[in-house]
Amino acid sequence: MRALGIMTLAMTLSACVSNPGSGLDGYAANYDNLKRAQDACIAKGQTLTLREGGDNQNLTDYACKRN
């Protein structure tokens, strides 16, 4: 079940983000959601970063970036 959650999150944080709140606590960039997103990025060899000009309270403003 955890692997499914990570895969879902990884797809959510892809370049074409359409519904990043799916399966999470909405769009809130809380500790748990950011931890899941960070783990998904690490699994892909990337780093979770806040997009330029993004709102640090909104999960949709974060993306995985290549190191």
PDB file of N, CA and C in Angstrom:
ATOM      1  N   MET A   1       0.814  -1.183   0.000  1.00  0.00           N
ATOM      2  CA  MET A   1       0.000   0.000   0.000  1.00  0.00           C
ATOM      3  C   MET A   1       0.864   1.255   0.000  1.00  0.00           C
ATOM      4  N   ARG A   2       1.964   1.227   0.755  1.00  0.00           N
ATOM      5  CA  ARG A   2       2.842   2.387   0.812  1.00  0.00           C
ATOM      6  C   ARG A   2       3.469   2.655  -0.554  1.00  0.00           C
ATOM      7  N   ALA A   3       3.874   1.568  -1.250  1.00  0.00           N
ATOM      8  CA  ALA A   3       4.467   1.728  -2.579  1.00  0.00           C
ATOM      9  C   ALA A   3       3.472   2.372  -3.530  1.00  0.00           C
ATOM     10  N   LEU A   4       2.211   1.980  -3.424  1.00  0.00           N
ATOM     11  CA  LEU A   4       1.178   2.577  -4.260  1.00  0.00           C
ATOM     12  C   LEU A   4       1.045   4.064  -3.972  1.00  0.00           C
ATOM     13  N   GLY A   5       1.110   4.440  -2.688  1.00  0.00           N
ATOM     14  CA  GLY A   5       1.031   5.850  -2.315  1.00  0.00           C
ATOM     15  C   GLY A   5       2.188   6.651  -2.862  1.00  0.00           C
ATOM     16  N   ILE A   6       3.394   6.067  -2.808  1.00  0.00           N
ATOM     17  CA  ILE A   6       4.578   6.749  -3.326  1.00  0.00           C
ATOM     18  C   ILE A   6       4.486   6.905  -4.835  1.00  0.00           C
ATOM     19  N   MET A   7       4.017   5.857  -5.507  1.00  0.00           N
ATOM     20  CA  MET A   7       3.881   5.938  -6.967  1.00  0.00           C
ATOM     21  C   MET A   7       2.853   6.999  -7.349  1.00  0.00           C
ATOM     22  N   THR A   8       1.760   7.047  -6.599  1.00  0.00           N
ATOM     23  CA  THR A   8       0.733   8.051  -6.869  1.00  0.00           C
ATOM     24  C   THR A   8       1.293   9.451  -6.682  1.00  0.00           C
ATOM     25  N   LEU A   9       2.040   9.640  -5.620  1.00  0.00           N
ATOM     26  CA  LEU A   9       2.633  10.942  -5.357  1.00  0.00           C
ATOM     27  C   LEU A   9       3.658  11.310  -6.419  1.00  0.00           C
ATOM     28  N   ALA A  10       4.452  10.346  -6.847  1.00  0.00           N
ATOM     29  CA  ALA A  10       5.453  10.608  -7.876  1.00  0.00           C
ATOM     30  C   ALA A  10       4.783  11.074  -9.163  1.00  0.00           C
ATOM     31  N   MET A  11       3.697  10.423  -9.533  1.00  0.00           N
ATOM     32  CA  MET A  11       2.978  10.833 -10.740  1.00  0.00           C
ATOM     33  C   MET A  11       2.358  12.203 -10.551  1.00  0.00           C
ATOM     34  N   THR A  12       1.917  12.477  -9.340  1.00  0.00           N
ATOM     35  CA  THR A  12       1.308  13.760  -9.034  1.00  0.00           C
ATOM     36  C   THR A  12       2.298  14.897  -9.217  1.00  0.00           C
ATOM     37  N   LEU A  13       3.534  14.664  -8.818  1.00  0.00           N
ATOM     38  CA  LEU A  13       4.546  15.715  -8.879  1.00  0.00           C
ATOM     39  C   LEU A  13       5.287  15.755 -10.212  1.00  0.00           C
ATOM     40  N   SER A  14       4.759  15.060 -11.193  1.00  0.00           N
ATOM     41  CA  SER A  14       5.386  15.080 -12.514  1.00  0.00           C
ATOM     42  C   SER A  14       5.226  16.463 -13.153  1.00  0.00           C
ATOM     43  N   ALA A  15       5.813  16.626 -14.302  1.00  0.00           N
ATOM     44  CA  ALA A  15       5.800  17.929 -14.967  1.00  0.00           C
ATOM     45  C   ALA A  15       4.388  18.427 -15.259  1.00  0.00           C
ATOM     46  N   CYS A  16       3.475  17.543 -15.540  1.00  0.00           N
ATOM     47  CA  CYS A  16       2.098  17.931 -15.852  1.00  0.00           C
ATOM     48  C   CYS A  16       1.209  17.674 -14.645  1.00  0.00           C
ATOM     49  N   VAL A  17       1.350  18.483 -13.642  1.00  0.00           N
ATOM     50  CA  VAL A  17       0.580  18.309 -12.423  1.00  0.00           C
ATOM     51  C   VAL A  17      -0.869  18.692 -12.710  1.00  0.00           C
ATOM     52  N   SER A  18      -1.772  17.729 -12.482  1.00  0.00           N
ATOM     53  CA  SER A  18      -3.175  18.029 -12.710  1.00  0.00           C
ATOM     54  C   SER A  18      -3.992  17.987 -11.426  1.00  0.00           C
ATOM     55  N   ASN A  19      -3.629  17.099 -10.492  1.00  0.00           N
ATOM     56  CA  ASN A  19      -4.374  16.999  -9.239  1.00  0.00           C
ATOM     57  C   ASN A  19      -3.457  16.519  -8.129  1.00  0.00           C
ATOM     58  N   PRO A  20      -2.518  17.350  -7.681  1.00  0.00           N
ATOM     59  CA  PRO A  20      -1.556  16.921  -6.685  1.00  0.00           C
ATOM     60  C   PRO A  20      -2.149  16.643  -5.321  1.00  0.00           C
ATOM     61  N   GLY A  21      -3.367  17.049  -5.063  1.00  0.00           N
ATOM     62  CA  GLY A  21      -3.987  16.784  -3.782  1.00  0.00           C
ATOM     63  C   GLY A  21      -4.587  15.393  -3.686  1.00  0.00           C
ATOM     64  N   SER A  22      -4.573  14.649  -4.771  1.00  0.00           N
ATOM     65  CA  SER A  22      -5.176  13.332  -4.798  1.00  0.00           C
ATOM     66  C   SER A  22      -4.553  12.408  -3.763  1.00  0.00           C
ATOM     67  N   GLY A  23      -5.368  11.894  -2.874  1.00  0.00           N
ATOM     68  CA  GLY A  23      -4.906  10.962  -1.861  1.00  0.00           C
ATOM     69  C   GLY A  23      -4.185  11.616  -0.693  1.00  0.00           C
ATOM     70  N   LEU A  24      -4.070  12.898  -0.684  1.00  0.00           N
ATOM     71  CA  LEU A  24      -3.378  13.614   0.384  1.00  0.00           C
ATOM     72  C   LEU A  24      -4.373  14.505   1.113  1.00  0.00           C
ATOM     73  N   ASP A  25      -3.895  15.283   2.038  1.00  0.00           N
ATOM     74  CA  ASP A  25      -4.742  16.225   2.764  1.00  0.00           C
ATOM     75  C   ASP A  25      -4.955  17.470   1.925  1.00  0.00           C
ATOM     76  N   GLY A  26      -5.605  17.329   0.810  1.00  0.00           N
ATOM     77  CA  GLY A  26      -5.825  18.454  -0.086  1.00  0.00           C
ATOM     78  C   GLY A  26      -4.513  18.947  -0.657  1.00  0.00           C
ATOM     79  N   TYR A  27      -4.383  20.233  -0.783  1.00  0.00           N
ATOM     80  CA  TYR A  27      -3.186  20.833  -1.363  1.00  0.00           C
ATOM     81  C   TYR A  27      -2.239  21.380  -0.297  1.00  0.00           C
ATOM     82  N   ALA A  28      -2.492  21.093   0.960  1.00  0.00           N
ATOM     83  CA  ALA A  28      -1.698  21.631   2.057  1.00  0.00           C
ATOM     84  C   ALA A  28      -0.281  21.057   2.041  1.00  0.00           C
ATOM     85  N   ALA A  29       0.695  21.938   2.131  1.00  0.00           N
ATOM     86  CA  ALA A  29       2.096  21.521   2.186  1.00  0.00           C
ATOM     87  C   ALA A  29       2.476  21.329   3.652  1.00  0.00           C
ATOM     88  N   ASN A  30       1.832  20.359   4.299  1.00  0.00           N
ATOM     89  CA  ASN A  30       2.138  20.086   5.699  1.00  0.00           C
ATOM     90  C   ASN A  30       3.305  19.090   5.781  1.00  0.00           C
ATOM     91  N   TYR A  31       3.731  18.804   6.986  1.00  0.00           N
ATOM     92  CA  TYR A  31       4.902  17.941   7.179  1.00  0.00           C
ATOM     93  C   TYR A  31       4.738  16.592   6.488  1.00  0.00           C
ATOM     94  N   ASP A  32       3.608  15.921   6.707  1.00  0.00           N
ATOM     95  CA  ASP A  32       3.405  14.585   6.149  1.00  0.00           C
ATOM     96  C   ASP A  32       3.402  14.590   4.623  1.00  0.00           C
ATOM     97  N   ASN A  33       2.707  15.541   4.020  1.00  0.00           N
ATOM     98  CA  ASN A  33       2.654  15.609   2.562  1.00  0.00           C
ATOM     99  C   ASN A  33       4.019  15.947   1.966  1.00  0.00           C
ATOM    100  N   LEU A  34       4.737  16.867   2.592  1.00  0.00           N
ATOM    101  CA  LEU A  34       6.068  17.206   2.093  1.00  0.00           C
ATOM    102  C   LEU A  34       7.032  16.036   2.251  1.00  0.00           C
ATOM    103  N   LYS A  35       6.893  15.283   3.336  1.00  0.00           N
ATOM    104  CA  LYS A  35       7.743  14.110   3.550  1.00  0.00           C
ATOM    105  C   LYS A  35       7.487  13.068   2.468  1.00  0.00           C
ATOM    106  N   ARG A  36       6.218  12.816   2.164  1.00  0.00           N
ATOM    107  CA  ARG A  36       5.874  11.860   1.094  1.00  0.00           C
ATOM    108  C   ARG A  36       6.420  12.338  -0.248  1.00  0.00           C
ATOM    109  N   ALA A  37       6.256  13.611  -0.521  1.00  0.00           N
ATOM    110  CA  ALA A  37       6.737  14.165  -1.786  1.00  0.00           C
ATOM    111  C   ALA A  37       8.257  14.084  -1.867  1.00  0.00           C
ATOM    112  N   GLN A  38       8.927  14.402  -0.773  1.00  0.00           N
ATOM    113  CA  GLN A  38      10.387  14.340  -0.739  1.00  0.00           C
ATOM    114  C   GLN A  38      10.862  12.907  -0.949  1.00  0.00           C
ATOM    115  N   ASP A  39      10.225  11.955  -0.302  1.00  0.00           N
ATOM    116  CA  ASP A  39      10.602  10.549  -0.464  1.00  0.00           C
ATOM    117  C   ASP A  39      10.409  10.083  -1.902  1.00  0.00           C
ATOM    118  N   ALA A  40       9.326  10.532  -2.532  1.00  0.00           N
ATOM    119  CA  ALA A  40       9.074  10.165  -3.923  1.00  0.00           C
ATOM    120  C   ALA A  40      10.149  10.748  -4.844  1.00  0.00           C
ATOM    121  N   CYS A  41      10.564  11.968  -4.577  1.00  0.00           N
ATOM    122  CA  CYS A  41      11.624  12.585  -5.384  1.00  0.00           C
ATOM    123  C   CYS A  41      12.948  11.856  -5.177  1.00  0.00           C
ATOM    124  N   ILE A  42      13.260  11.541  -3.940  1.00  0.00           N
ATOM    125  CA  ILE A  42      14.510  10.833  -3.640  1.00  0.00           C
ATOM    126  C   ILE A  42      14.536   9.488  -4.342  1.00  0.00           C
ATOM    127  N   ALA A  43      13.396   8.801  -4.388  1.00  0.00           N
ATOM    128  CA  ALA A  43      13.312   7.506  -5.058  1.00  0.00           C
ATOM    129  C   ALA A  43      13.637   7.618  -6.547  1.00  0.00           C
ATOM    130  N   LYS A  44      13.423   8.804  -7.112  1.00  0.00           N
ATOM    131  CA  LYS A  44      13.737   9.050  -8.522  1.00  0.00           C
ATOM    132  C   LYS A  44      15.104   9.691  -8.699  1.00  0.00           C
ATOM    133  N   GLY A  45      15.849   9.845  -7.594  1.00  0.00           N
ATOM    134  CA  GLY A  45      17.165  10.476  -7.665  1.00  0.00           C
ATOM    135  C   GLY A  45      17.090  11.976  -7.834  1.00  0.00           C
ATOM    136  N   GLN A  46      16.012  12.575  -7.364  1.00  0.00           N
ATOM    137  CA  GLN A  46      15.805  14.005  -7.513  1.00  0.00           C
ATOM    138  C   GLN A  46      15.599  14.653  -6.147  1.00  0.00           C
ATOM    139  N   THR A  47      15.427  15.966  -6.156  1.00  0.00           N
ATOM    140  CA  THR A  47      15.245  16.738  -4.935  1.00  0.00           C
ATOM    141  C   THR A  47      13.936  17.513  -5.023  1.00  0.00           C
ATOM    142  N   LEU A  48      13.180  17.538  -3.942  1.00  0.00           N
ATOM    143  CA  LEU A  48      11.952  18.317  -3.889  1.00  0.00           C
ATOM    144  C   LEU A  48      12.311  19.781  -3.690  1.00  0.00           C
ATOM    145  N   THR A  49      11.815  20.634  -4.557  1.00  0.00           N
ATOM    146  CA  THR A  49      12.097  22.063  -4.447  1.00  0.00           C
ATOM    147  C   THR A  49      10.822  22.878  -4.647  1.00  0.00           C
ATOM    148  N   LEU A  50      10.821  24.054  -4.056  1.00  0.00           N
ATOM    149  CA  LEU A  50       9.726  24.991  -4.243  1.00  0.00           C
ATOM    150  C   LEU A  50       9.949  25.723  -5.557  1.00  0.00           C
ATOM    151  N   ARG A  51       8.936  25.773  -6.375  1.00  0.00           N
ATOM    152  CA  ARG A  51       9.056  26.468  -7.666  1.00  0.00           C
ATOM    153  C   ARG A  51       9.277  27.957  -7.441  1.00  0.00           C
ATOM    154  N   GLU A  52       9.947  28.592  -8.366  1.00  0.00           N
ATOM    155  CA  GLU A  52      10.226  30.026  -8.254  1.00  0.00           C
ATOM    156  C   GLU A  52       8.918  30.801  -8.149  1.00  0.00           C
ATOM    157  N   GLY A  53       8.835  31.635  -7.134  1.00  0.00           N
ATOM    158  CA  GLY A  53       7.634  32.428  -6.915  1.00  0.00           C
ATOM    159  C   GLY A  53       6.491  31.634  -6.302  1.00  0.00           C
ATOM    160  N   GLY A  54       6.768  30.390  -5.891  1.00  0.00           N
ATOM    161  CA  GLY A  54       5.724  29.525  -5.358  1.00  0.00           C
ATOM    162  C   GLY A  54       5.344  29.849  -3.930  1.00  0.00           C
ATOM    163  N   ASP A  55       4.196  29.366  -3.532  1.00  0.00           N
ATOM    164  CA  ASP A  55       3.678  29.519  -2.170  1.00  0.00           C
ATOM    165  C   ASP A  55       4.079  28.285  -1.375  1.00  0.00           C
ATOM    166  N   ASN A  56       4.874  28.458  -0.336  1.00  0.00           N
ATOM    167  CA  ASN A  56       5.379  27.314   0.414  1.00  0.00           C
ATOM    168  C   ASN A  56       4.295  26.587   1.203  1.00  0.00           C
ATOM    169  N   GLN A  57       3.099  27.096   1.235  1.00  0.00           N
ATOM    170  CA  GLN A  57       1.985  26.440   1.922  1.00  0.00           C
ATOM    171  C   GLN A  57       1.140  25.585   0.975  1.00  0.00           C
ATOM    172  N   ASN A  58       1.452  25.615  -0.319  1.00  0.00           N
ATOM    173  CA  ASN A  58       0.658  24.939  -1.329  1.00  0.00           C
ATOM    174  C   ASN A  58       1.480  23.827  -1.978  1.00  0.00           C
ATOM    175  N   LEU A  59       1.029  22.586  -1.860  1.00  0.00           N
ATOM    176  CA  LEU A  59       1.752  21.438  -2.389  1.00  0.00           C
ATOM    177  C   LEU A  59       1.948  21.515  -3.905  1.00  0.00           C
ATOM    178  N   THR A  60       1.042  22.165  -4.604  1.00  0.00           N
ATOM    179  CA  THR A  60       1.158  22.252  -6.066  1.00  0.00           C
ATOM    180  C   THR A  60       2.340  23.112  -6.509  1.00  0.00           C
ATOM    181  N   ASP A  61       2.921  23.879  -5.590  1.00  0.00           N
ATOM    182  CA  ASP A  61       4.037  24.744  -5.939  1.00  0.00           C
ATOM    183  C   ASP A  61       5.392  24.081  -5.724  1.00  0.00           C
ATOM    184  N   TYR A  62       5.389  22.783  -5.421  1.00  0.00           N
ATOM    185  CA  TYR A  62       6.627  22.017  -5.262  1.00  0.00           C
ATOM    186  C   TYR A  62       6.776  21.064  -6.439  1.00  0.00           C
ATOM    187  N   ALA A  63       8.020  20.779  -6.800  1.00  0.00           N
ATOM    188  CA  ALA A  63       8.289  19.844  -7.892  1.00  0.00           C
ATOM    189  C   ALA A  63       9.620  19.136  -7.651  1.00  0.00           C
ATOM    190  N   CYS A  64       9.749  17.973  -8.248  1.00  0.00           N
ATOM    191  CA  CYS A  64      11.014  17.249  -8.208  1.00  0.00           C
ATOM    192  C   CYS A  64      11.955  17.861  -9.254  1.00  0.00           C
ATOM    193  N   LYS A  65      13.182  18.070  -8.860  1.00  0.00           N
ATOM    194  CA  LYS A  65      14.207  18.607  -9.770  1.00  0.00           C
ATOM    195  C   LYS A  65      15.386  17.680  -9.770  1.00  0.00           C
ATOM    196  N   ARG A  66      16.016  17.540 -10.915  1.00  0.00           N
ATOM    197  CA  ARG A  66      17.232  16.724 -10.986  1.00  0.00           C
ATOM    198  C   ARG A  66      18.355  17.418 -10.239  1.00  0.00           C
ATOM    199  N   ASN A  67      19.159  16.613  -9.575  1.00  0.00           N
ATOM    200  CA  ASN A  67      20.280  17.170  -8.799  1.00  0.00           C
ATOM    201  C   ASN A  67      21.352  17.711  -9.697  1.00  0.00           C
TER     202      ASN A  67
END
